[in-house]
Amino acid sequence: MKFIVNLVALIRFFKVVNIMNVLKGTVLNKFYRIRIILLCILGSLLIQGCTAVASFPTVARAGDTISVMVGGTEKARKETIAVTLTDVNAQDWDLQALGKVRSVFNLRADGRAEGSHYSSYLESYISWSEGHEPVQTVLVVNIPSGVPAGDAYLTVTPFVDDDSSGILPPYTINVEIIPGIGKNDDFLRQDNAGPNLAVNFEKLEPAPHAKIDFGITDGITIGAASLVVDFDELVVSPDDINVYFPESNVRGSFVSTGAFGETQRMIYWHHDGQQLYIDVVSPQGIKQAYLMMYVMHPRGLSASPDFNLISSKVYDVNGDEISLVPTLEYFQ
């Protein structure tokens, strides 16, 4: 899926450069200029192609923090991804074992991005065929302080089955380690007039949730669905439960461009304090691959909320019930 990142927001978040330092022209500031250029390339790459595995060189000092693209998946987590840095002397540094993996999170397109609406069918559909909306997965790691200067590379294995990049793992990503003493970046921000605050990467990572989907490849068109989800109200407050519904802009097929609107659906949900009710209506019909939902809850619960899909009825566009049972999978 072609898509664009809001570069202004991304630059503000990562704080990759201090403009005054860039203007001074030191060797260190040359390093910062490279980071700005790479960030702009990232935006261009997201516009021009599918989810990527870092296709441009990464430059850092030992001790610095870097971010790289590692495909497009909703299942990758910082606790399970394998990341090894091989330095210029062929020594391997296990960044996961060393506690250097900072975060794994996803970027999404600006909803107004041209590529979000006017891409080929294959580019639009590829992520949905893997069971998720279009996302770009980003890995943030710290380079160990003892890594020598010279050409190095990362070997990244996300251990997922839903990557839409089209590249088989493990991924190999080149990193140039330049001389100098780096520093782990806390991506400081200021909240009003208060002190500088370090970024909380957990805010960017997925909250615990249950995913409900209707399958991908059975060729079924859904006109309506009615679901009932049970949960343990003694563990999670019903008012803390939210439901997220990704929306597709895919149109047509490999042989026909088609018209927009083919994946529209109307969704209403509510709870009665003990159960969650989700109703979906799509008068023109929606293909099963484009219908999914995520039942969210906050971190820090005393136990599992025990989400359980206790009832589901699915109908075609004529109102006739069809034999299709959605699945519910829980992700901590």
C-alpha atoms as a PDB file:
ATOM      1  CA  MET A   1       0.000   0.000   0.000  1.00  0.00           C
ATOM      2  CA  LYS A   2       1.429   3.359  -0.922  1.00  0.00           C
ATOM      3  CA  PHE A   3       1.291   5.774   1.923  1.00  0.00           C
ATOM      4  CA  ILE A   4       2.862   8.862   3.407  1.00  0.00           C
ATOM      5  CA  VAL A   5       3.968   9.806   6.884  1.00  0.00           C
ATOM      6  CA  ASN A   6       3.334  13.222   8.346  1.00  0.00           C
ATOM      7  CA  LEU A   7       6.972  14.282   8.296  1.00  0.00           C
ATOM      8  CA  VAL A   8       6.442  17.330  10.482  1.00  0.00           C
ATOM      9  CA  ALA A   9       4.963  15.209  13.272  1.00  0.00           C
ATOM     10  CA  LEU A  10       7.636  12.567  12.837  1.00  0.00           C
ATOM     11  CA  ILE A  11      10.448  15.109  13.016  1.00  0.00           C
ATOM     12  CA  ARG A  12       8.941  16.666  16.129  1.00  0.00           C
ATOM     13  CA  PHE A  13       8.574  13.282  17.761  1.00  0.00           C
ATOM     14  CA  PHE A  14      12.041  11.928  17.071  1.00  0.00           C
ATOM     15  CA  LYS A  15      13.765  15.301  17.530  1.00  0.00           C
ATOM     16  CA  VAL A  16      16.499  14.133  15.197  1.00  0.00           C
ATOM     17  CA  VAL A  17      18.126  17.474  14.844  1.00  0.00           C
ATOM     18  CA  ASN A  18      18.741  20.776  16.522  1.00  0.00           C
ATOM     19  CA  ILE A  19      18.517  23.333  13.703  1.00  0.00           C
ATOM     20  CA  MET A  20      21.071  25.650  15.255  1.00  0.00           C
ATOM     21  CA  ASN A  21      23.644  22.849  15.386  1.00  0.00           C
ATOM     22  CA  VAL A  22      23.031  21.958  11.761  1.00  0.00           C
ATOM     23  CA  LEU A  23      23.924  25.464  10.719  1.00  0.00           C
ATOM     24  CA  LYS A  24      27.323  25.331  12.465  1.00  0.00           C
ATOM     25  CA  GLY A  25      28.850  22.844   9.996  1.00  0.00           C
ATOM     26  CA  THR A  26      30.779  20.594  12.423  1.00  0.00           C
ATOM     27  CA  VAL A  27      31.481  16.912  11.773  1.00  0.00           C
ATOM     28  CA  LEU A  28      28.772  16.016  14.283  1.00  0.00           C
ATOM     29  CA  ASN A  29      26.328  18.273  12.492  1.00  0.00           C
ATOM     30  CA  LYS A  30      27.142  16.520   9.233  1.00  0.00           C
ATOM     31  CA  PHE A  31      25.927  13.378  10.978  1.00  0.00           C
ATOM     32  CA  TYR A  32      22.693  15.148  11.894  1.00  0.00           C
ATOM     33  CA  ARG A  33      22.231  16.365   8.306  1.00  0.00           C
ATOM     34  CA  ILE A  34      22.438  12.759   7.163  1.00  0.00           C
ATOM     35  CA  ARG A  35      19.679  11.865   9.620  1.00  0.00           C
ATOM     36  CA  ILE A  36      17.420  14.581   8.211  1.00  0.00           C
ATOM     37  CA  ILE A  37      18.049  13.392   4.652  1.00  0.00           C
ATOM     38  CA  LEU A  38      17.237   9.810   5.651  1.00  0.00           C
ATOM     39  CA  LEU A  39      14.010  10.928   7.293  1.00  0.00           C
ATOM     40  CA  CYS A  40      12.959  12.667   4.087  1.00  0.00           C
ATOM     41  CA  ILE A  41      13.853   9.545   2.084  1.00  0.00           C
ATOM     42  CA  LEU A  42      11.656   7.554   4.464  1.00  0.00           C
ATOM     43  CA  GLY A  43       8.693   9.772   3.672  1.00  0.00           C
ATOM     44  CA  SER A  44       9.338   9.470  -0.053  1.00  0.00           C
ATOM     45  CA  LEU A  45       9.691   5.695   0.178  1.00  0.00           C
ATOM     46  CA  LEU A  46       6.400   5.341   1.988  1.00  0.00           C
ATOM     47  CA  ILE A  47       4.696   7.338  -0.763  1.00  0.00           C
ATOM     48  CA  GLN A  48       6.231   5.344  -3.601  1.00  0.00           C
ATOM     49  CA  GLY A  49       5.942   1.727  -2.531  1.00  0.00           C
ATOM     50  CA  CYS A  50       4.741  -0.966  -0.183  1.00  0.00           C
ATOM     51  CA  THR A  51       5.840  -1.428   3.408  1.00  0.00           C
ATOM     52  CA  ALA A  52       9.615  -1.591   3.410  1.00  0.00           C
ATOM     53  CA  VAL A  53      12.665  -3.063   5.052  1.00  0.00           C
ATOM     54  CA  ALA A  54      15.149  -0.186   5.534  1.00  0.00           C
ATOM     55  CA  SER A  55      16.174   0.556   1.973  1.00  0.00           C
ATOM     56  CA  PHE A  56      18.574   3.399   2.761  1.00  0.00           C
ATOM     57  CA  PRO A  57      21.829   3.403   4.750  1.00  0.00           C
ATOM     58  CA  THR A  58      21.775   4.109   8.487  1.00  0.00           C
ATOM     59  CA  VAL A  59      24.605   6.123  10.043  1.00  0.00           C
ATOM     60  CA  ALA A  60      25.289   6.199  13.780  1.00  0.00           C
ATOM     61  CA  ARG A  61      27.976   6.340  16.435  1.00  0.00           C
ATOM     62  CA  ALA A  62      28.492   3.648  19.057  1.00  0.00           C
ATOM     63  CA  GLY A  63      26.009   4.459  21.814  1.00  0.00           C
ATOM     64  CA  ASP A  64      23.494   6.216  19.552  1.00  0.00           C
ATOM     65  CA  THR A  65      19.827   5.354  19.065  1.00  0.00           C
ATOM     66  CA  ILE A  66      18.660   4.430  15.564  1.00  0.00           C
ATOM     67  CA  SER A  67      15.324   3.529  13.993  1.00  0.00           C
ATOM     68  CA  VAL A  68      14.899   1.269  10.957  1.00  0.00           C
ATOM     69  CA  MET A  69      11.970  -0.050   8.916  1.00  0.00           C
ATOM     70  CA  VAL A  70      11.281  -3.763   9.326  1.00  0.00           C
ATOM     71  CA  GLY A  71       8.368  -4.568   7.029  1.00  0.00           C
ATOM     72  CA  GLY A  72       4.689  -4.229   7.785  1.00  0.00           C
ATOM     73  CA  THR A  73       3.155  -6.431  10.484  1.00  0.00           C
ATOM     74  CA  GLU A  74       0.702  -6.020  13.324  1.00  0.00           C
ATOM     75  CA  LYS A  75       2.150  -8.945  15.287  1.00  0.00           C
ATOM     76  CA  ALA A  76       5.783  -7.879  15.818  1.00  0.00           C
ATOM     77  CA  ARG A  77       6.679  -7.048  19.437  1.00  0.00           C
ATOM     78  CA  LYS A  78       9.851  -5.711  21.020  1.00  0.00           C
ATOM     79  CA  GLU A  79       9.969  -8.672  23.426  1.00  0.00           C
ATOM     80  CA  THR A  80      10.051 -11.311  20.692  1.00  0.00           C
ATOM     81  CA  ILE A  81      11.905  -9.732  17.769  1.00  0.00           C
ATOM     82  CA  ALA A  82      15.489 -10.963  17.265  1.00  0.00           C
ATOM     83  CA  VAL A  83      18.084  -8.269  16.455  1.00  0.00           C
ATOM     84  CA  THR A  84      21.803  -8.888  15.983  1.00  0.00           C
ATOM     85  CA  LEU A  85      24.412  -6.268  15.061  1.00  0.00           C
ATOM     86  CA  THR A  86      27.473  -7.619  13.234  1.00  0.00           C
ATOM     87  CA  ASP A  87      30.353  -5.144  13.419  1.00  0.00           C
ATOM     88  CA  VAL A  88      33.281  -4.470  11.078  1.00  0.00           C
ATOM     89  CA  ASN A  89      35.296  -7.217  12.812  1.00  0.00           C
ATOM     90  CA  ALA A  90      32.500  -9.770  12.284  1.00  0.00           C
ATOM     91  CA  GLN A  91      31.643  -9.791  15.993  1.00  0.00           C
ATOM     92  CA  ASP A  92      27.938 -10.329  16.720  1.00  0.00           C
ATOM     93  CA  TRP A  93      26.116  -8.199  19.278  1.00  0.00           C
ATOM     94  CA  ASP A  94      22.775  -9.684  20.388  1.00  0.00           C
ATOM     95  CA  LEU A  95      20.783  -6.484  20.949  1.00  0.00           C
ATOM     96  CA  GLN A  96      17.824  -8.345  22.417  1.00  0.00           C
ATOM     97  CA  ALA A  97      19.967 -10.115  25.017  1.00  0.00           C
ATOM     98  CA  LEU A  98      21.811  -6.862  25.765  1.00  0.00           C
ATOM     99  CA  GLY A  99      18.526  -5.022  26.412  1.00  0.00           C
ATOM    100  CA  LYS A 100      19.119  -2.628  23.505  1.00  0.00           C
ATOM    101  CA  VAL A 101      15.757  -3.110  21.752  1.00  0.00           C
ATOM    102  CA  ARG A 102      13.829   0.031  22.681  1.00  0.00           C
ATOM    103  CA  SER A 103      10.568  -0.351  20.803  1.00  0.00           C
ATOM    104  CA  VAL A 104       8.649  -1.857  17.906  1.00  0.00           C
ATOM    105  CA  PHE A 105       5.632   0.121  16.708  1.00  0.00           C
ATOM    106  CA  ASN A 106       3.686   0.908  13.548  1.00  0.00           C
ATOM    107  CA  LEU A 107       3.272   4.049  11.454  1.00  0.00           C
ATOM    108  CA  ARG A 108       0.108   4.647   9.451  1.00  0.00           C
ATOM    109  CA  ALA A 109      -0.668   6.844   6.493  1.00  0.00           C
ATOM    110  CA  ASP A 110      -2.208  10.272   6.513  1.00  0.00           C
ATOM    111  CA  GLY A 111      -5.803   9.522   5.536  1.00  0.00           C
ATOM    112  CA  ARG A 112      -5.534  12.178   2.817  1.00  0.00           C
ATOM    113  CA  ALA A 113      -2.367  10.744   1.264  1.00  0.00           C
ATOM    114  CA  GLU A 114      -2.651  10.269  -2.492  1.00  0.00           C
ATOM    115  CA  GLY A 115      -1.236   6.776  -2.261  1.00  0.00           C
ATOM    116  CA  SER A 116      -3.937   5.839   0.223  1.00  0.00           C
ATOM    117  CA  HIS A 117      -6.542   6.394  -2.480  1.00  0.00           C
ATOM    118  CA  TYR A 118      -4.884   6.097  -5.887  1.00  0.00           C
ATOM    119  CA  SER A 119      -2.651   3.043  -5.816  1.00  0.00           C
ATOM    120  CA  SER A 120      -2.814  -0.115  -7.891  1.00  0.00           C
ATOM    121  CA  TYR A 121      -5.018  -2.937  -6.685  1.00  0.00           C
ATOM    122  CA  LEU A 122      -2.021  -5.050  -5.687  1.00  0.00           C
ATOM    123  CA  GLU A 123      -0.445  -2.231  -3.674  1.00  0.00           C
ATOM    124  CA  SER A 124      -3.770  -1.515  -1.968  1.00  0.00           C
ATOM    125  CA  TYR A 125      -4.671  -5.119  -1.238  1.00  0.00           C
ATOM    126  CA  ILE A 126      -1.362  -6.663  -0.165  1.00  0.00           C
ATOM    127  CA  SER A 127      -1.599  -5.724   3.532  1.00  0.00           C
ATOM    128  CA  TRP A 128      -5.212  -6.858   3.813  1.00  0.00           C
ATOM    129  CA  SER A 129      -4.248 -10.184   2.238  1.00  0.00           C
ATOM    130  CA  GLU A 130      -1.911 -10.646   5.218  1.00  0.00           C
ATOM    131  CA  GLY A 131      -4.749  -9.954   7.652  1.00  0.00           C
ATOM    132  CA  HIS A 132      -4.162  -6.341   8.649  1.00  0.00           C
ATOM    133  CA  GLU A 133      -4.489  -2.740   7.522  1.00  0.00           C
ATOM    134  CA  PRO A 134      -1.510  -1.046   5.796  1.00  0.00           C
ATOM    135  CA  VAL A 135       1.214  -0.296   8.350  1.00  0.00           C
ATOM    136  CA  GLN A 136       4.944   0.391   8.364  1.00  0.00           C
ATOM    137  CA  THR A 137       6.708  -1.340  11.245  1.00  0.00           C
ATOM    138  CA  VAL A 138       9.556   0.577  12.900  1.00  0.00           C
ATOM    139  CA  LEU A 139      12.285  -0.845  15.128  1.00  0.00           C
ATOM    140  CA  VAL A 140      14.150   1.418  17.582  1.00  0.00           C
ATOM    141  CA  VAL A 141      17.420   0.147  19.077  1.00  0.00           C
ATOM    142  CA  ASN A 142      20.443   1.477  20.933  1.00  0.00           C
ATOM    143  CA  ILE A 143      23.880   0.745  19.453  1.00  0.00           C
ATOM    144  CA  PRO A 144      26.168  -0.728  22.171  1.00  0.00           C
ATOM    145  CA  SER A 145      28.892   1.655  23.280  1.00  0.00           C
ATOM    146  CA  GLY A 146      31.736  -0.730  22.449  1.00  0.00           C
ATOM    147  CA  VAL A 147      30.966  -1.253  18.762  1.00  0.00           C
ATOM    148  CA  PRO A 148      34.004  -0.241  16.627  1.00  0.00           C
ATOM    149  CA  ALA A 149      33.731   2.236  13.763  1.00  0.00           C
ATOM    150  CA  GLY A 150      33.243   0.759  10.304  1.00  0.00           C
ATOM    151  CA  ASP A 151      30.652  -0.958   8.146  1.00  0.00           C
ATOM    152  CA  ALA A 152      28.206  -3.087  10.136  1.00  0.00           C
ATOM    153  CA  TYR A 153      24.803  -4.594   9.595  1.00  0.00           C
ATOM    154  CA  LEU A 154      21.691  -5.571  11.518  1.00  0.00           C
ATOM    155  CA  THR A 155      20.043  -8.954  11.156  1.00  0.00           C
ATOM    156  CA  VAL A 156      16.378  -8.718  12.157  1.00  0.00           C
ATOM    157  CA  THR A 157      13.895 -11.562  12.536  1.00  0.00           C
ATOM    158  CA  PRO A 158      10.402 -10.503  13.690  1.00  0.00           C
ATOM    159  CA  PHE A 159       8.966 -14.055  14.060  1.00  0.00           C
ATOM    160  CA  VAL A 160       5.602 -13.178  12.510  1.00  0.00           C
ATOM    161  CA  ASP A 161       3.408 -14.645   9.784  1.00  0.00           C
ATOM    162  CA  ASP A 162       1.689 -11.477   8.566  1.00  0.00           C
ATOM    163  CA  ASP A 163       4.476  -9.347   7.054  1.00  0.00           C
ATOM    164  CA  SER A 164       3.371  -7.486   3.909  1.00  0.00           C
ATOM    165  CA  SER A 165       6.814  -6.275   2.771  1.00  0.00           C
ATOM    166  CA  GLY A 166       7.283  -9.154   0.344  1.00  0.00           C
ATOM    167  CA  ILE A 167      10.780  -9.804   1.737  1.00  0.00           C
ATOM    168  CA  LEU A 168      11.491 -13.035   3.594  1.00  0.00           C
ATOM    169  CA  PRO A 169      13.159 -12.672   7.004  1.00  0.00           C
ATOM    170  CA  PRO A 170      15.716 -12.449   8.395  1.00  0.00           C
ATOM    171  CA  TYR A 171      16.213  -8.891   7.145  1.00  0.00           C
ATOM    172  CA  THR A 172      19.720  -7.521   6.646  1.00  0.00           C
ATOM    173  CA  ILE A 173      20.063  -3.759   7.167  1.00  0.00           C
ATOM    174  CA  ASN A 174      23.344  -1.929   6.610  1.00  0.00           C
ATOM    175  CA  VAL A 175      24.610   0.381   9.350  1.00  0.00           C
ATOM    176  CA  GLU A 176      27.685   2.610   9.118  1.00  0.00           C
ATOM    177  CA  ILE A 177      29.261   3.154  12.524  1.00  0.00           C
ATOM    178  CA  ILE A 178      31.175   6.438  12.430  1.00  0.00           C
ATOM    179  CA  PRO A 179      33.829   7.572  14.943  1.00  0.00           C
ATOM    180  CA  GLY A 180      32.691   9.375  18.054  1.00  0.00           C
ATOM    181  CA  ILE A 181      30.899   8.777  21.324  1.00  0.00           C
ATOM    182  CA  GLY A 182      27.147   8.534  20.891  1.00  0.00           C
ATOM    183  CA  LYS A 183      24.332   8.883  23.366  1.00  0.00           C
ATOM    184  CA  ASN A 184      21.057   7.065  23.785  1.00  0.00           C
ATOM    185  CA  ASP A 185      18.283   9.398  22.679  1.00  0.00           C
ATOM    186  CA  ASP A 186      15.371   9.867  25.103  1.00  0.00           C
ATOM    187  CA  PHE A 187      13.484  11.949  22.496  1.00  0.00           C
ATOM    188  CA  LEU A 188      12.818  14.634  25.070  1.00  0.00           C
ATOM    189  CA  ARG A 189       9.691  16.760  24.840  1.00  0.00           C
ATOM    190  CA  GLN A 190       8.356  19.602  26.948  1.00  0.00           C
ATOM    191  CA  ASP A 191       4.874  19.576  28.398  1.00  0.00           C
ATOM    192  CA  ASN A 192       3.757  23.209  28.602  1.00  0.00           C
ATOM    193  CA  ALA A 193       6.140  24.971  31.015  1.00  0.00           C
ATOM    194  CA  GLY A 194       7.158  21.793  32.838  1.00  0.00           C
ATOM    195  CA  PRO A 195      10.447  19.872  32.709  1.00  0.00           C
ATOM    196  CA  ASN A 196      11.672  17.888  29.723  1.00  0.00           C
ATOM    197  CA  LEU A 197      10.043  14.465  29.550  1.00  0.00           C
ATOM    198  CA  ALA A 198      11.402  11.319  27.907  1.00  0.00           C
ATOM    199  CA  VAL A 199       9.205   9.592  25.346  1.00  0.00           C
ATOM    200  CA  ASN A 200       7.117   6.680  26.584  1.00  0.00           C
ATOM    201  CA  PHE A 201       7.347   4.190  23.728  1.00  0.00           C
ATOM    202  CA  GLU A 202       4.584   2.082  25.253  1.00  0.00           C
ATOM    203  CA  LYS A 203       2.162   4.780  24.160  1.00  0.00           C
ATOM    204  CA  LEU A 204       3.058   3.945  20.543  1.00  0.00           C
ATOM    205  CA  GLU A 205       2.943   0.175  20.967  1.00  0.00           C
ATOM    206  CA  PRO A 206      -0.293  -1.851  20.826  1.00  0.00           C
ATOM    207  CA  ALA A 207      -2.446  -1.957  23.924  1.00  0.00           C
ATOM    208  CA  PRO A 208      -3.732  -5.413  24.915  1.00  0.00           C
ATOM    209  CA  HIS A 209      -6.610  -6.413  22.652  1.00  0.00           C
ATOM    210  CA  ALA A 210      -8.716  -9.147  21.124  1.00  0.00           C
ATOM    211  CA  LYS A 211      -8.833  -9.256  17.328  1.00  0.00           C
ATOM    212  CA  ILE A 212     -12.002 -10.421  15.618  1.00  0.00           C
ATOM    213  CA  ASP A 213     -11.830 -11.233  11.935  1.00  0.00           C
ATOM    214  CA  PHE A 214     -13.946 -13.024   9.344  1.00  0.00           C
ATOM    215  CA  GLY A 215     -11.232 -14.743   7.314  1.00  0.00           C
ATOM    216  CA  ILE A 216      -9.472 -13.640   4.143  1.00  0.00           C
ATOM    217  CA  THR A 217      -9.582 -16.043   1.234  1.00  0.00           C
ATOM    218  CA  ASP A 218     -13.013 -17.721   1.241  1.00  0.00           C
ATOM    219  CA  GLY A 219     -14.478 -15.209  -1.218  1.00  0.00           C
ATOM    220  CA  ILE A 220     -17.429 -14.387   1.036  1.00  0.00           C
ATOM    221  CA  THR A 221     -19.265 -11.059   0.803  1.00  0.00           C
ATOM    222  CA  ILE A 222     -20.888  -9.901   4.035  1.00  0.00           C
ATOM    223  CA  GLY A 223     -24.031  -7.785   4.178  1.00  0.00           C
ATOM    224  CA  ALA A 224     -24.422  -7.646   7.966  1.00  0.00           C
ATOM    225  CA  ALA A 225     -23.117  -9.187  11.170  1.00  0.00           C
ATOM    226  CA  SER A 226     -24.171  -9.229  14.805  1.00  0.00           C
ATOM    227  CA  LEU A 227     -21.664 -10.222  17.494  1.00  0.00           C
ATOM    228  CA  VAL A 228     -21.759 -10.624  21.266  1.00  0.00           C
ATOM    229  CA  VAL A 229     -18.507 -10.613  23.234  1.00  0.00           C
ATOM    230  CA  ASP A 230     -18.406 -11.656  26.869  1.00  0.00           C
ATOM    231  CA  PHE A 231     -15.760 -10.356  29.295  1.00  0.00           C
ATOM    232  CA  ASP A 232     -14.923 -10.423  32.996  1.00  0.00           C
ATOM    233  CA  GLU A 233     -16.286  -7.166  34.343  1.00  0.00           C
ATOM    234  CA  LEU A 234     -14.518  -7.830  37.666  1.00  0.00           C
ATOM    235  CA  VAL A 235     -11.160  -7.570  35.869  1.00  0.00           C
ATOM    236  CA  VAL A 236     -11.768  -4.822  33.321  1.00  0.00           C
ATOM    237  CA  SER A 237     -14.125  -1.877  33.690  1.00  0.00           C
ATOM    238  CA  PRO A 238     -16.694  -1.962  30.858  1.00  0.00           C
ATOM    239  CA  ASP A 239     -16.154   1.766  30.349  1.00  0.00           C
ATOM    240  CA  ASP A 240     -12.438   1.148  29.682  1.00  0.00           C
ATOM    241  CA  ILE A 241     -13.211  -1.104  26.711  1.00  0.00           C
ATOM    242  CA  ASN A 242     -12.966   0.457  23.271  1.00  0.00           C
ATOM    243  CA  VAL A 243     -13.395  -1.041  19.795  1.00  0.00           C
ATOM    244  CA  TYR A 244     -11.183  -0.075  16.842  1.00  0.00           C
ATOM    245  CA  PHE A 245     -12.271  -0.725  13.250  1.00  0.00           C
ATOM    246  CA  PRO A 246      -9.684  -0.243  10.453  1.00  0.00           C
ATOM    247  CA  GLU A 247     -11.189   0.938   7.166  1.00  0.00           C
ATOM    248  CA  SER A 248     -10.104  -0.016   3.660  1.00  0.00           C
ATOM    249  CA  ASN A 249      -9.851   2.131   0.522  1.00  0.00           C
ATOM    250  CA  VAL A 250      -9.269  -0.848  -1.768  1.00  0.00           C
ATOM    251  CA  ARG A 251     -11.330  -0.824  -4.951  1.00  0.00           C
ATOM    252  CA  GLY A 252     -11.719  -3.000  -8.006  1.00  0.00           C
ATOM    253  CA  SER A 253      -9.595  -6.046  -8.795  1.00  0.00           C
ATOM    254  CA  PHE A 254      -6.545  -7.073 -10.824  1.00  0.00           C
ATOM    255  CA  VAL A 255      -8.555  -6.687 -14.038  1.00  0.00           C
ATOM    256  CA  SER A 256     -10.767  -3.696 -13.257  1.00  0.00           C
ATOM    257  CA  THR A 257     -10.136  -0.388 -11.485  1.00  0.00           C
ATOM    258  CA  GLY A 258     -13.608  -0.294  -9.952  1.00  0.00           C
ATOM    259  CA  ALA A 259     -15.261   2.439  -7.929  1.00  0.00           C
ATOM    260  CA  PHE A 260     -14.662   3.613  -4.392  1.00  0.00           C
ATOM    261  CA  GLY A 261     -17.189   2.623  -1.756  1.00  0.00           C
ATOM    262  CA  GLU A 262     -16.999  -1.133  -2.219  1.00  0.00           C
ATOM    263  CA  THR A 263     -15.575  -1.597   1.280  1.00  0.00           C
ATOM    264  CA  GLN A 264     -17.926   0.732   3.141  1.00  0.00           C
ATOM    265  CA  ARG A 265     -19.645  -0.503   6.276  1.00  0.00           C
ATOM    266  CA  MET A 266     -21.557   0.977   9.194  1.00  0.00           C
ATOM    267  CA  ILE A 267     -20.706  -0.206  12.697  1.00  0.00           C
ATOM    268  CA  TYR A 268     -22.395   0.382  16.025  1.00  0.00           C
ATOM    269  CA  TRP A 269     -21.275  -1.096  19.320  1.00  0.00           C
ATOM    270  CA  HIS A 270     -22.198  -0.769  22.993  1.00  0.00           C
ATOM    271  CA  HIS A 271     -22.025  -2.693  26.262  1.00  0.00           C
ATOM    272  CA  ASP A 272     -24.528  -3.420  29.008  1.00  0.00           C
ATOM    273  CA  GLY A 273     -21.915  -3.721  31.743  1.00  0.00           C
ATOM    274  CA  GLN A 274     -21.421  -7.442  31.221  1.00  0.00           C
ATOM    275  CA  GLN A 275     -21.284  -8.040  27.479  1.00  0.00           C
ATOM    276  CA  LEU A 276     -20.233  -6.140  24.364  1.00  0.00           C
ATOM    277  CA  TYR A 277     -22.561  -5.940  21.357  1.00  0.00           C
ATOM    278  CA  ILE A 278     -21.204  -5.188  17.880  1.00  0.00           C
ATOM    279  CA  ASP A 279     -23.440  -4.721  14.832  1.00  0.00           C
ATOM    280  CA  VAL A 280     -22.196  -4.290  11.257  1.00  0.00           C
ATOM    281  CA  VAL A 281     -24.245  -3.285   8.193  1.00  0.00           C
ATOM    282  CA  SER A 282     -22.921  -3.120   4.618  1.00  0.00           C
ATOM    283  CA  PRO A 283     -25.845  -2.751   2.155  1.00  0.00           C
ATOM    284  CA  GLN A 284     -23.660  -3.167  -0.938  1.00  0.00           C
ATOM    285  CA  GLY A 285     -21.648  -5.957   0.712  1.00  0.00           C
ATOM    286  CA  ILE A 286     -18.074  -6.034   1.981  1.00  0.00           C
ATOM    287  CA  LYS A 287     -15.533  -8.759   1.276  1.00  0.00           C
ATOM    288  CA  GLN A 288     -14.546 -10.628   4.412  1.00  0.00           C
ATOM    289  CA  ALA A 289     -10.853  -9.620   4.207  1.00  0.00           C
ATOM    290  CA  TYR A 290     -11.753  -5.973   4.814  1.00  0.00           C
ATOM    291  CA  LEU A 291     -13.856  -6.556   7.936  1.00  0.00           C
ATOM    292  CA  MET A 292     -12.004  -6.840  11.236  1.00  0.00           C
ATOM    293  CA  MET A 293     -12.188  -5.250  14.664  1.00  0.00           C
ATOM    294  CA  TYR A 294     -10.056  -4.925  17.775  1.00  0.00           C
ATOM    295  CA  VAL A 295     -11.507  -4.957  21.303  1.00  0.00           C
ATOM    296  CA  MET A 296      -9.072  -2.850  23.328  1.00  0.00           C
ATOM    297  CA  HIS A 297      -8.381  -2.594  27.051  1.00  0.00           C
ATOM    298  CA  PRO A 298      -5.740  -0.740  29.118  1.00  0.00           C
ATOM    299  CA  ARG A 299      -2.569  -2.326  30.454  1.00  0.00           C
ATOM    300  CA  GLY A 300      -2.127  -3.227  34.096  1.00  0.00           C
ATOM    301  CA  LEU A 301      -5.143  -5.474  34.697  1.00  0.00           C
ATOM    302  CA  SER A 302      -4.931  -7.944  37.581  1.00  0.00           C
ATOM    303  CA  ALA A 303      -5.806 -10.855  35.278  1.00  0.00           C
ATOM    304  CA  SER A 304      -7.014 -11.658  31.779  1.00  0.00           C
ATOM    305  CA  PRO A 305     -10.321  -9.986  30.820  1.00  0.00           C
ATOM    306  CA  ASP A 306     -11.397 -13.304  29.253  1.00  0.00           C
ATOM    307  CA  PHE A 307     -12.830 -11.897  26.038  1.00  0.00           C
ATOM    308  CA  ASN A 308     -15.034 -14.582  24.517  1.00  0.00           C
ATOM    309  CA  LEU A 309     -17.120 -14.422  21.339  1.00  0.00           C
ATOM    310  CA  ILE A 310     -20.286 -16.127  22.598  1.00  0.00           C
ATOM    311  CA  SER A 311     -22.587 -15.336  19.683  1.00  0.00           C
ATOM    312  CA  SER A 312     -22.186 -14.425  16.019  1.00  0.00           C
ATOM    313  CA  LYS A 313     -24.607 -14.191  13.133  1.00  0.00           C
ATOM    314  CA  VAL A 314     -23.450 -13.231   9.640  1.00  0.00           C
ATOM    315  CA  TYR A 315     -25.752 -12.380   6.716  1.00  0.00           C
ATOM    316  CA  ASP A 316     -25.383 -11.841   2.986  1.00  0.00           C
ATOM    317  CA  VAL A 317     -26.657  -8.749   1.149  1.00  0.00           C
ATOM    318  CA  ASN A 318     -30.110 -10.345   0.823  1.00  0.00           C
ATOM    319  CA  GLY A 319     -30.452 -10.769   4.580  1.00  0.00           C
ATOM    320  CA  ASP A 320     -29.970 -14.527   4.517  1.00  0.00           C
ATOM    321  CA  GLU A 321     -27.793 -16.001   7.259  1.00  0.00           C
ATOM    322  CA  ILE A 322     -24.571 -17.541   5.966  1.00  0.00           C
ATOM    323  CA  SER A 323     -22.257 -20.132   7.445  1.00  0.00           C
ATOM    324  CA  LEU A 324     -19.307 -18.039   8.563  1.00  0.00           C
ATOM    325  CA  VAL A 325     -17.937 -18.056  12.091  1.00  0.00           C
ATOM    326  CA  PRO A 326     -15.557 -15.173  12.930  1.00  0.00           C
ATOM    327  CA  THR A 327     -12.542 -15.853  15.126  1.00  0.00           C
ATOM    328  CA  LEU A 328     -11.352 -14.034  18.229  1.00  0.00           C
ATOM    329  CA  GLU A 329      -7.647 -14.025  19.108  1.00  0.00           C
ATOM    330  CA  TYR A 330      -6.268 -12.284  22.194  1.00  0.00           C
ATOM    331  CA  PHE A 331      -2.958 -10.391  22.190  1.00  0.00           C
ATOM    332  CA  GLN A 332      -1.431  -9.292  25.493  1.00  0.00           C
END
